[in-house]
C-alpha atoms as a PDB file:
ATOM      1  CA  UNK A   1       0.000   0.000   0.000  1.00  0.00           C
ATOM      2  CA  UNK A   2       2.752   2.452   0.936  1.00  0.00           C
ATOM      3  CA  UNK A   3       5.515   2.020  -1.621  1.00  0.00           C
ATOM      4  CA  UNK A   4       7.868   4.923  -0.934  1.00  0.00           C
ATOM      5  CA  UNK A   5      10.050   6.015   1.959  1.00  0.00           C
ATOM      6  CA  UNK A   6      11.830   9.368   2.138  1.00  0.00           C
ATOM      7  CA  UNK A   7      15.208   9.779   3.828  1.00  0.00           C
ATOM      8  CA  UNK A   8      16.222  13.389   4.582  1.00  0.00           C
ATOM      9  CA  UNK A   9      20.021  13.185   4.455  1.00  0.00           C
ATOM     10  CA  UNK A  10      21.318  16.653   3.668  1.00  0.00           C
ATOM     11  CA  UNK A  11      22.406  17.756   7.162  1.00  0.00           C
ATOM     12  CA  UNK A  12      26.012  18.484   8.073  1.00  0.00           C
ATOM     13  CA  UNK A  13      26.309  16.300  11.184  1.00  0.00           C
ATOM     14  CA  UNK A  14      28.120  19.025  13.093  1.00  0.00           C
ATOM     15  CA  UNK A  15      27.922  17.155  16.410  1.00  0.00           C
ATOM     16  CA  UNK A  16      30.316  14.574  14.961  1.00  0.00           C
ATOM     17  CA  UNK A  17      32.946  16.916  13.545  1.00  0.00           C
ATOM     18  CA  UNK A  18      35.622  16.367  12.426  1.00  0.00           C
ATOM     19  CA  UNK A  19      34.509  12.822  11.485  1.00  0.00           C
ATOM     20  CA  UNK A  20      31.686  14.233   9.335  1.00  0.00           C
ATOM     21  CA  UNK A  21      33.766  16.911   7.622  1.00  0.00           C
ATOM     22  CA  UNK A  22      34.141  14.740   4.515  1.00  0.00           C
ATOM     23  CA  UNK A  23      31.880  11.771   5.355  1.00  0.00           C
ATOM     24  CA  UNK A  24      28.071  11.950   5.499  1.00  0.00           C
ATOM     25  CA  UNK A  25      26.777  11.452   9.031  1.00  0.00           C
ATOM     26  CA  UNK A  26      24.317   8.909   7.610  1.00  0.00           C
ATOM     27  CA  UNK A  27      27.329   6.763   6.669  1.00  0.00           C
ATOM     28  CA  UNK A  28      28.678   6.548  10.202  1.00  0.00           C
ATOM     29  CA  UNK A  29      28.839   2.821  10.991  1.00  0.00           C
ATOM     30  CA  UNK A  30      27.137   0.931  13.772  1.00  0.00           C
ATOM     31  CA  UNK A  31      29.346  -2.166  13.718  1.00  0.00           C
ATOM     32  CA  UNK A  32      29.778  -2.928   9.996  1.00  0.00           C
ATOM     33  CA  UNK A  33      26.755  -1.140   8.509  1.00  0.00           C
ATOM     34  CA  UNK A  34      26.124   2.591   8.067  1.00  0.00           C
ATOM     35  CA  UNK A  35      23.169   4.166   9.837  1.00  0.00           C
ATOM     36  CA  UNK A  36      21.190   4.748   6.658  1.00  0.00           C
ATOM     37  CA  UNK A  37      21.415   1.068   5.692  1.00  0.00           C
ATOM     38  CA  UNK A  38      19.623   0.076   8.898  1.00  0.00           C
ATOM     39  CA  UNK A  39      16.876   2.562   8.025  1.00  0.00           C
ATOM     40  CA  UNK A  40      16.466   1.255   4.490  1.00  0.00           C
ATOM     41  CA  UNK A  41      16.287  -2.319   5.761  1.00  0.00           C
ATOM     42  CA  UNK A  42      13.485  -1.183   8.084  1.00  0.00           C
ATOM     43  CA  UNK A  43      11.657   0.507   5.207  1.00  0.00           C
ATOM     44  CA  UNK A  44      11.926  -2.559   2.986  1.00  0.00           C
ATOM     45  CA  UNK A  45      10.582  -4.807   5.738  1.00  0.00           C
ATOM     46  CA  UNK A  46       7.537  -2.512   5.797  1.00  0.00           C
ATOM     47  CA  UNK A  47       7.028  -2.986   2.050  1.00  0.00           C
ATOM     48  CA  UNK A  48       8.543   0.347   1.003  1.00  0.00           C
ATOM     49  CA  UNK A  49      10.724  -0.651  -1.939  1.00  0.00           C
ATOM     50  CA  UNK A  50      11.073   2.803  -3.475  1.00  0.00           C
ATOM     51  CA  UNK A  51      13.725   4.692  -1.519  1.00  0.00           C
ATOM     52  CA  UNK A  52      13.862   8.461  -2.008  1.00  0.00           C
ATOM     53  CA  UNK A  53      16.861  10.260  -0.524  1.00  0.00           C
ATOM     54  CA  UNK A  54      17.230  14.023  -0.109  1.00  0.00           C
ATOM     55  CA  UNK A  55      20.960  14.703  -0.163  1.00  0.00           C
ATOM     56  CA  UNK A  56      23.259  17.696  -0.216  1.00  0.00           C
ATOM     57  CA  UNK A  57      26.813  18.645  -1.023  1.00  0.00           C
ATOM     58  CA  UNK A  58      29.406  16.041  -0.041  1.00  0.00           C
ATOM     59  CA  UNK A  59      26.915  13.167   0.139  1.00  0.00           C
ATOM     60  CA  UNK A  60      28.016  11.127  -2.875  1.00  0.00           C
ATOM     61  CA  UNK A  61      29.149   8.294  -0.593  1.00  0.00           C
ATOM     62  CA  UNK A  62      25.480   7.471   0.039  1.00  0.00           C
ATOM     63  CA  UNK A  63      24.801   6.966  -3.670  1.00  0.00           C
ATOM     64  CA  UNK A  64      27.975   4.929  -4.092  1.00  0.00           C
ATOM     65  CA  UNK A  65      27.074   2.688  -1.146  1.00  0.00           C
ATOM     66  CA  UNK A  66      23.785   1.662  -2.740  1.00  0.00           C
ATOM     67  CA  UNK A  67      25.412   0.802  -6.045  1.00  0.00           C
ATOM     68  CA  UNK A  68      27.578  -2.013  -7.368  1.00  0.00           C
ATOM     69  CA  UNK A  69      31.349  -1.737  -6.878  1.00  0.00           C
ATOM     70  CA  UNK A  70      32.616  -3.952  -9.676  1.00  0.00           C
ATOM     71  CA  UNK A  71      36.295  -3.774  -8.707  1.00  0.00           C
ATOM     72  CA  UNK A  72      35.622  -4.750  -5.085  1.00  0.00           C
ATOM     73  CA  UNK A  73      33.198  -7.511  -6.008  1.00  0.00           C
ATOM     74  CA  UNK A  74      35.637  -8.951  -8.531  1.00  0.00           C
ATOM     75  CA  UNK A  75      38.411  -8.852  -5.937  1.00  0.00           C
ATOM     76  CA  UNK A  76      36.488 -10.860  -3.326  1.00  0.00           C
ATOM     77  CA  UNK A  77      34.517 -13.066  -5.727  1.00  0.00           C
ATOM     78  CA  UNK A  78      34.626 -16.679  -4.559  1.00  0.00           C
ATOM     79  CA  UNK A  79      36.237 -15.857  -1.218  1.00  0.00           C
ATOM     80  CA  UNK A  80      34.768 -16.018   2.278  1.00  0.00           C
ATOM     81  CA  UNK A  81      34.612 -12.210   2.311  1.00  0.00           C
ATOM     82  CA  UNK A  82      31.887 -12.242  -0.347  1.00  0.00           C
ATOM     83  CA  UNK A  83      29.360 -12.987   2.404  1.00  0.00           C
ATOM     84  CA  UNK A  84      30.018  -9.530   3.886  1.00  0.00           C
ATOM     85  CA  UNK A  85      28.168  -7.967   0.942  1.00  0.00           C
ATOM     86  CA  UNK A  86      25.112 -10.202   1.133  1.00  0.00           C
ATOM     87  CA  UNK A  87      22.861  -7.701   2.959  1.00  0.00           C
ATOM     88  CA  UNK A  88      23.735  -4.683   0.828  1.00  0.00           C
ATOM     89  CA  UNK A  89      23.327  -6.710  -2.368  1.00  0.00           C
ATOM     90  CA  UNK A  90      19.857  -7.700  -1.203  1.00  0.00           C
ATOM     91  CA  UNK A  91      18.882  -4.034  -0.795  1.00  0.00           C
ATOM     92  CA  UNK A  92      20.307  -3.083  -4.179  1.00  0.00           C
ATOM     93  CA  UNK A  93      18.364  -5.905  -5.839  1.00  0.00           C
ATOM     94  CA  UNK A  94      15.051  -5.293  -4.072  1.00  0.00           C
ATOM     95  CA  UNK A  95      14.900  -1.487  -3.810  1.00  0.00           C
ATOM     96  CA  UNK A  96      14.916   1.335  -6.299  1.00  0.00           C
ATOM     97  CA  UNK A  97      16.841   4.449  -5.292  1.00  0.00           C
ATOM     98  CA  UNK A  98      16.186   8.028  -6.343  1.00  0.00           C
ATOM     99  CA  UNK A  99      17.907  11.209  -5.209  1.00  0.00           C
ATOM    100  CA  UNK A 100      17.417  14.937  -5.145  1.00  0.00           C
ATOM    101  CA  UNK A 101      19.446  17.706  -3.518  1.00  0.00           C
ATOM    102  CA  UNK A 102      18.421  20.161  -0.837  1.00  0.00           C
ATOM    103  CA  UNK A 103      20.288  23.318  -1.817  1.00  0.00           C
ATOM    104  CA  UNK A 104      19.913  25.098   1.536  1.00  0.00           C
ATOM    105  CA  UNK A 105      19.279  23.750   5.029  1.00  0.00           C
ATOM    106  CA  UNK A 106      15.919  25.135   6.159  1.00  0.00           C
ATOM    107  CA  UNK A 107      14.658  22.451   8.521  1.00  0.00           C
ATOM    108  CA  UNK A 108      13.069  19.026   8.329  1.00  0.00           C
ATOM    109  CA  UNK A 109       9.854  20.405   6.867  1.00  0.00           C
ATOM    110  CA  UNK A 110      11.773  21.948   3.983  1.00  0.00           C
ATOM    111  CA  UNK A 111      13.731  18.721   3.454  1.00  0.00           C
ATOM    112  CA  UNK A 112      10.480  16.760   3.171  1.00  0.00           C
ATOM    113  CA  UNK A 113       9.046  19.360   0.793  1.00  0.00           C
ATOM    114  CA  UNK A 114      12.194  19.044  -1.328  1.00  0.00           C
ATOM    115  CA  UNK A 115      11.418  15.345  -1.654  1.00  0.00           C
ATOM    116  CA  UNK A 116       7.995  15.942  -3.205  1.00  0.00           C
ATOM    117  CA  UNK A 117       9.458  15.520  -6.696  1.00  0.00           C
ATOM    118  CA  UNK A 118      10.446  11.956  -5.738  1.00  0.00           C
ATOM    119  CA  UNK A 119       7.235  11.046  -3.893  1.00  0.00           C
ATOM    120  CA  UNK A 120       4.356  12.438  -5.916  1.00  0.00           C
ATOM    121  CA  UNK A 121       0.725  12.214  -4.850  1.00  0.00           C
ATOM    122  CA  UNK A 122       0.696   9.216  -2.509  1.00  0.00           C
ATOM    123  CA  UNK A 123       1.232   8.421   1.184  1.00  0.00           C
ATOM    124  CA  UNK A 124       4.839   7.765   2.130  1.00  0.00           C
ATOM    125  CA  UNK A 125       7.130   6.938   5.011  1.00  0.00           C
ATOM    126  CA  UNK A 126       9.868   9.161   6.408  1.00  0.00           C
ATOM    127  CA  UNK A 127      12.853   7.777   8.293  1.00  0.00           C
ATOM    128  CA  UNK A 128      15.545   9.877   9.945  1.00  0.00           C
ATOM    129  CA  UNK A 129      18.653   7.695   9.914  1.00  0.00           C
ATOM    130  CA  UNK A 130      19.942   9.393  13.090  1.00  0.00           C
ATOM    131  CA  UNK A 131      17.203   7.602  15.016  1.00  0.00           C
ATOM    132  CA  UNK A 132      18.272   3.973  14.960  1.00  0.00           C
ATOM    133  CA  UNK A 133      15.512   1.644  16.107  1.00  0.00           C
ATOM    134  CA  UNK A 134      15.657  -1.982  17.177  1.00  0.00           C
ATOM    135  CA  UNK A 135      12.500  -4.062  17.439  1.00  0.00           C
ATOM    136  CA  UNK A 136      11.572  -7.653  16.783  1.00  0.00           C
ATOM    137  CA  UNK A 137       9.857  -9.161  14.883  1.00  0.00           C
ATOM    138  CA  UNK A 138       8.298  -6.059  13.282  1.00  0.00           C
ATOM    139  CA  UNK A 139      10.388  -2.962  12.692  1.00  0.00           C
ATOM    140  CA  UNK A 140       8.951   0.382  13.755  1.00  0.00           C
ATOM    141  CA  UNK A 141       7.896   1.352  10.234  1.00  0.00           C
ATOM    142  CA  UNK A 142       6.102  -1.955   9.736  1.00  0.00           C
ATOM    143  CA  UNK A 143       4.258  -1.393  13.010  1.00  0.00           C
ATOM    144  CA  UNK A 144       3.257   2.070  11.772  1.00  0.00           C
ATOM    145  CA  UNK A 145       1.981   0.746   8.443  1.00  0.00           C
ATOM    146  CA  UNK A 146      -0.469  -1.422  10.383  1.00  0.00           C
ATOM    147  CA  UNK A 147      -1.693   1.677  12.244  1.00  0.00           C
ATOM    148  CA  UNK A 148      -2.005   3.569   8.955  1.00  0.00           C
ATOM    149  CA  UNK A 149      -4.070   0.783   7.422  1.00  0.00           C
ATOM    150  CA  UNK A 150      -6.542   1.211  10.272  1.00  0.00           C
ATOM    151  CA  UNK A 151      -6.777   5.026  10.474  1.00  0.00           C
ATOM    152  CA  UNK A 152      -5.694   6.200   6.978  1.00  0.00           C
ATOM    153  CA  UNK A 153      -4.098   9.464   8.094  1.00  0.00           C
ATOM    154  CA  UNK A 154      -0.645  10.766   9.013  1.00  0.00           C
ATOM    155  CA  UNK A 155       1.118   8.727  11.704  1.00  0.00           C
ATOM    156  CA  UNK A 156       3.983   9.846  13.944  1.00  0.00           C
ATOM    157  CA  UNK A 157       6.028   7.542  16.158  1.00  0.00           C
ATOM    158  CA  UNK A 158       6.377   8.668  19.768  1.00  0.00           C
ATOM    159  CA  UNK A 159       8.186   7.608  22.903  1.00  0.00           C
ATOM    160  CA  UNK A 160       8.071   8.811  26.488  1.00  0.00           C
ATOM    161  CA  UNK A 161      11.029  10.982  27.454  1.00  0.00           C
ATOM    162  CA  UNK A 162      12.139  12.571  30.705  1.00  0.00           C
ATOM    163  CA  UNK A 163      10.471  15.984  31.225  1.00  0.00           C
ATOM    164  CA  UNK A 164      13.837  17.752  31.104  1.00  0.00           C
ATOM    165  CA  UNK A 165      14.396  16.298  27.605  1.00  0.00           C
ATOM    166  CA  UNK A 166      11.303  17.770  25.931  1.00  0.00           C
ATOM    167  CA  UNK A 167      13.261  20.738  24.551  1.00  0.00           C
ATOM    168  CA  UNK A 168      14.934  18.352  22.079  1.00  0.00           C
ATOM    169  CA  UNK A 169      11.738  17.108  20.418  1.00  0.00           C
ATOM    170  CA  UNK A 170       8.367  17.876  18.991  1.00  0.00           C
ATOM    171  CA  UNK A 171       5.916  16.955  21.773  1.00  0.00           C
ATOM    172  CA  UNK A 172       2.272  15.980  21.330  1.00  0.00           C
ATOM    173  CA  UNK A 173      -0.934  16.248  23.283  1.00  0.00           C
ATOM    174  CA  UNK A 174      -3.727  13.870  22.421  1.00  0.00           C
ATOM    175  CA  UNK A 175      -6.519  11.545  23.401  1.00  0.00           C
ATOM    176  CA  UNK A 176      -5.627   7.870  23.830  1.00  0.00           C
ATOM    177  CA  UNK A 177      -8.054   5.975  21.596  1.00  0.00           C
ATOM    178  CA  UNK A 178      -6.487   2.559  22.140  1.00  0.00           C
ATOM    179  CA  UNK A 179      -3.484   1.384  24.067  1.00  0.00           C
ATOM    180  CA  UNK A 180      -0.438   3.299  22.867  1.00  0.00           C
ATOM    181  CA  UNK A 181      -2.391   5.097  20.110  1.00  0.00           C
ATOM    182  CA  UNK A 182      -3.339   8.777  20.431  1.00  0.00           C
ATOM    183  CA  UNK A 183      -5.369  11.095  18.244  1.00  0.00           C
ATOM    184  CA  UNK A 184      -3.234  14.226  18.291  1.00  0.00           C
ATOM    185  CA  UNK A 185      -4.877  17.477  19.400  1.00  0.00           C
ATOM    186  CA  UNK A 186      -1.768  19.646  19.733  1.00  0.00           C
ATOM    187  CA  UNK A 187       1.982  19.542  19.222  1.00  0.00           C
ATOM    188  CA  UNK A 188       4.776  21.928  20.100  1.00  0.00           C
ATOM    189  CA  UNK A 189       8.281  21.996  18.660  1.00  0.00           C
ATOM    190  CA  UNK A 190      11.034  21.775  21.299  1.00  0.00           C
ATOM    191  CA  UNK A 191       9.079  23.089  24.297  1.00  0.00           C
ATOM    192  CA  UNK A 192      10.587  23.741  27.682  1.00  0.00           C
ATOM    193  CA  UNK A 193       9.431  21.359  30.436  1.00  0.00           C
ATOM    194  CA  UNK A 194       7.020  24.072  31.605  1.00  0.00           C
ATOM    195  CA  UNK A 195       5.505  24.493  28.132  1.00  0.00           C
ATOM    196  CA  UNK A 196       5.379  20.808  27.151  1.00  0.00           C
ATOM    197  CA  UNK A 197       1.825  19.411  26.914  1.00  0.00           C
ATOM    198  CA  UNK A 198       3.100  15.879  27.781  1.00  0.00           C
ATOM    199  CA  UNK A 199       6.268  13.827  27.743  1.00  0.00           C
ATOM    200  CA  UNK A 200       5.277  12.063  24.492  1.00  0.00           C
ATOM    201  CA  UNK A 201       8.024  13.007  22.047  1.00  0.00           C
ATOM    202  CA  UNK A 202       8.000  12.511  18.280  1.00  0.00           C
ATOM    203  CA  UNK A 203      10.960  10.504  16.975  1.00  0.00           C
ATOM    204  CA  UNK A 204      12.291  10.120  13.460  1.00  0.00           C
ATOM    205  CA  UNK A 205       9.565   7.910  11.991  1.00  0.00           C
ATOM    206  CA  UNK A 206       6.543   9.251  10.101  1.00  0.00           C
ATOM    207  CA  UNK A 207       3.907   8.144   7.641  1.00  0.00           C
ATOM    208  CA  UNK A 208       2.566  11.215   5.862  1.00  0.00           C
ATOM    209  CA  UNK A 209      -0.367  11.759   3.548  1.00  0.00           C
ATOM    210  CA  UNK A 210       0.461  13.708   0.372  1.00  0.00           C
ATOM    211  CA  UNK A 211      -1.502  16.822   1.347  1.00  0.00           C
ATOM    212  CA  UNK A 212       1.406  17.543   3.693  1.00  0.00           C
ATOM    213  CA  UNK A 213       3.256  19.043   0.716  1.00  0.00           C
ATOM    214  CA  UNK A 214       0.594  21.704   0.116  1.00  0.00           C
ATOM    215  CA  UNK A 215       0.608  22.523   3.817  1.00  0.00           C
ATOM    216  CA  UNK A 216       4.409  22.766   3.929  1.00  0.00           C
ATOM    217  CA  UNK A 217       4.418  25.176   0.983  1.00  0.00           C
ATOM    218  CA  UNK A 218       2.315  27.567   3.069  1.00  0.00           C
ATOM    219  CA  UNK A 219       4.062  26.971   6.409  1.00  0.00           C
ATOM    220  CA  UNK A 220       6.144  29.942   7.575  1.00  0.00           C
ATOM    221  CA  UNK A 221       9.501  29.508   9.246  1.00  0.00           C
ATOM    222  CA  UNK A 222       9.089  28.611  12.906  1.00  0.00           C
ATOM    223  CA  UNK A 223      11.467  27.547  15.664  1.00  0.00           C
ATOM    224  CA  UNK A 224      15.082  28.332  14.751  1.00  0.00           C
ATOM    225  CA  UNK A 225      14.032  30.093  11.551  1.00  0.00           C
ATOM    226  CA  UNK A 226      13.334  26.695   9.960  1.00  0.00           C
ATOM    227  CA  UNK A 227      10.263  25.166   8.338  1.00  0.00           C
ATOM    228  CA  UNK A 228       9.141  22.652  10.934  1.00  0.00           C
ATOM    229  CA  UNK A 229       7.279  19.489  10.041  1.00  0.00           C
ATOM    230  CA  UNK A 230       5.609  19.807  13.462  1.00  0.00           C
ATOM    231  CA  UNK A 231       3.874  23.024  12.358  1.00  0.00           C
ATOM    232  CA  UNK A 232       2.548  21.356   9.213  1.00  0.00           C
ATOM    233  CA  UNK A 233       1.374  18.287  11.099  1.00  0.00           C
ATOM    234  CA  UNK A 234      -0.455  20.537  13.530  1.00  0.00           C
ATOM    235  CA  UNK A 235      -2.615  21.764  10.647  1.00  0.00           C
ATOM    236  CA  UNK A 236      -3.586  18.172   9.892  1.00  0.00           C
ATOM    237  CA  UNK A 237      -4.131  17.477  13.592  1.00  0.00           C
ATOM    238  CA  UNK A 238      -6.675  20.318  13.826  1.00  0.00           C
ATOM    239  CA  UNK A 239      -8.851  18.227  11.504  1.00  0.00           C
ATOM    240  CA  UNK A 240      -8.231  15.039  13.486  1.00  0.00           C
ATOM    241  CA  UNK A 241      -5.911  13.627  10.857  1.00  0.00           C
ATOM    242  CA  UNK A 242      -2.780  12.802  12.856  1.00  0.00           C
ATOM    243  CA  UNK A 243      -2.294   9.669  14.955  1.00  0.00           C
ATOM    244  CA  UNK A 244       0.628   9.244  17.364  1.00  0.00           C
ATOM    245  CA  UNK A 245       1.811   5.702  17.953  1.00  0.00           C
ATOM    246  CA  UNK A 246       3.915   4.625  20.930  1.00  0.00           C
ATOM    247  CA  UNK A 247       6.062   2.099  19.108  1.00  0.00           C
ATOM    248  CA  UNK A 248       7.379  -1.164  20.492  1.00  0.00           C
ATOM    249  CA  UNK A 249      11.155  -1.413  20.558  1.00  0.00           C
ATOM    250  CA  UNK A 250      14.261   0.579  21.419  1.00  0.00           C
ATOM    251  CA  UNK A 251      15.461   3.801  19.867  1.00  0.00           C
ATOM    252  CA  UNK A 252      18.958   5.254  19.906  1.00  0.00           C
ATOM    253  CA  UNK A 253      19.677   8.911  19.146  1.00  0.00           C
ATOM    254  CA  UNK A 254      22.736   8.372  16.972  1.00  0.00           C
ATOM    255  CA  UNK A 255      22.925  12.087  16.295  1.00  0.00           C
ATOM    256  CA  UNK A 256      24.530  12.323  19.736  1.00  0.00           C
ATOM    257  CA  UNK A 257      27.769  10.696  20.839  1.00  0.00           C
ATOM    258  CA  UNK A 258      26.104   9.097  23.872  1.00  0.00           C
ATOM    259  CA  UNK A 259      23.374   7.557  21.726  1.00  0.00           C
ATOM    260  CA  UNK A 260      25.845   6.440  19.088  1.00  0.00           C
ATOM    261  CA  UNK A 261      27.966   4.622  21.654  1.00  0.00           C
ATOM    262  CA  UNK A 262      24.873   3.086  23.293  1.00  0.00           C
ATOM    263  CA  UNK A 263      23.665   1.816  19.907  1.00  0.00           C
ATOM    264  CA  UNK A 264      27.066   0.352  19.086  1.00  0.00           C
ATOM    265  CA  UNK A 265      27.171  -1.518  22.385  1.00  0.00           C
ATOM    266  CA  UNK A 266      23.563  -2.737  22.102  1.00  0.00           C
ATOM    267  CA  UNK A 267      23.924  -3.968  18.521  1.00  0.00           C
ATOM    268  CA  UNK A 268      27.219  -5.649  19.389  1.00  0.00           C
ATOM    269  CA  UNK A 269      25.483  -7.583  22.161  1.00  0.00           C
ATOM    270  CA  UNK A 270      22.659  -8.526  19.760  1.00  0.00           C
ATOM    271  CA  UNK A 271      25.203  -9.757  17.243  1.00  0.00           C
ATOM    272  CA  UNK A 272      27.099 -11.793  19.841  1.00  0.00           C
ATOM    273  CA  UNK A 273      23.900 -13.369  21.182  1.00  0.00           C
ATOM    274  CA  UNK A 274      22.894 -14.365  17.654  1.00  0.00           C
ATOM    275  CA  UNK A 275      26.152 -16.122  16.838  1.00  0.00           C
END
């Protein structure tokens, strides 16, 4: 039903300088796979085979990663090392990849609007590779597709955060209509603990209906002088058309060093336990 997933990947990754001076932050590895590969695997599990990536200057490594490297493959052909490429080959064979560039950094809302040319007039997923999620058996996006099939409106993934952390997120208010599912009535971008309507924070997983593009075109710059997806979603929420879903699984903020290290340790333990 939902065929496309958008990956905003034009940011500079300044919190990881100097590592991200010449390397896209989305290519930072958790064990042996870059962050964006985990996200695309999650999208494909949810049935989203068409991968749309909004890139920027210095991001060619992303395109090269999801392409065939004939010299490397010839070099390791027939050796035990060939197995290392099994997962990325699977993605290349089962997904289609399209790219467009975000010329200036004007917020997540603007990045999503930039991707309209790749998405068209249909519902689509959005994954922020910085937010690495681990859940079994269904990935977060697959869980959200099931919610979308029931409510047929925009879906945002949420998790409960400490009150002092609300200033880092978009935070929702809403009515719980079933366990872990809320019909959103309000949302605020990066509120202080005093301003926050709850401790239910939006993370980097969305399913959006295509009317979001028209709304984003008319959305003025908000917090930080950027076009915020939260402001656009609020317009949909006023008509009862946004559902927040408290997903099942673990999420790691790999845009921060603490979260990146925690994810590395957690995925290492998962790998060791699976051997």
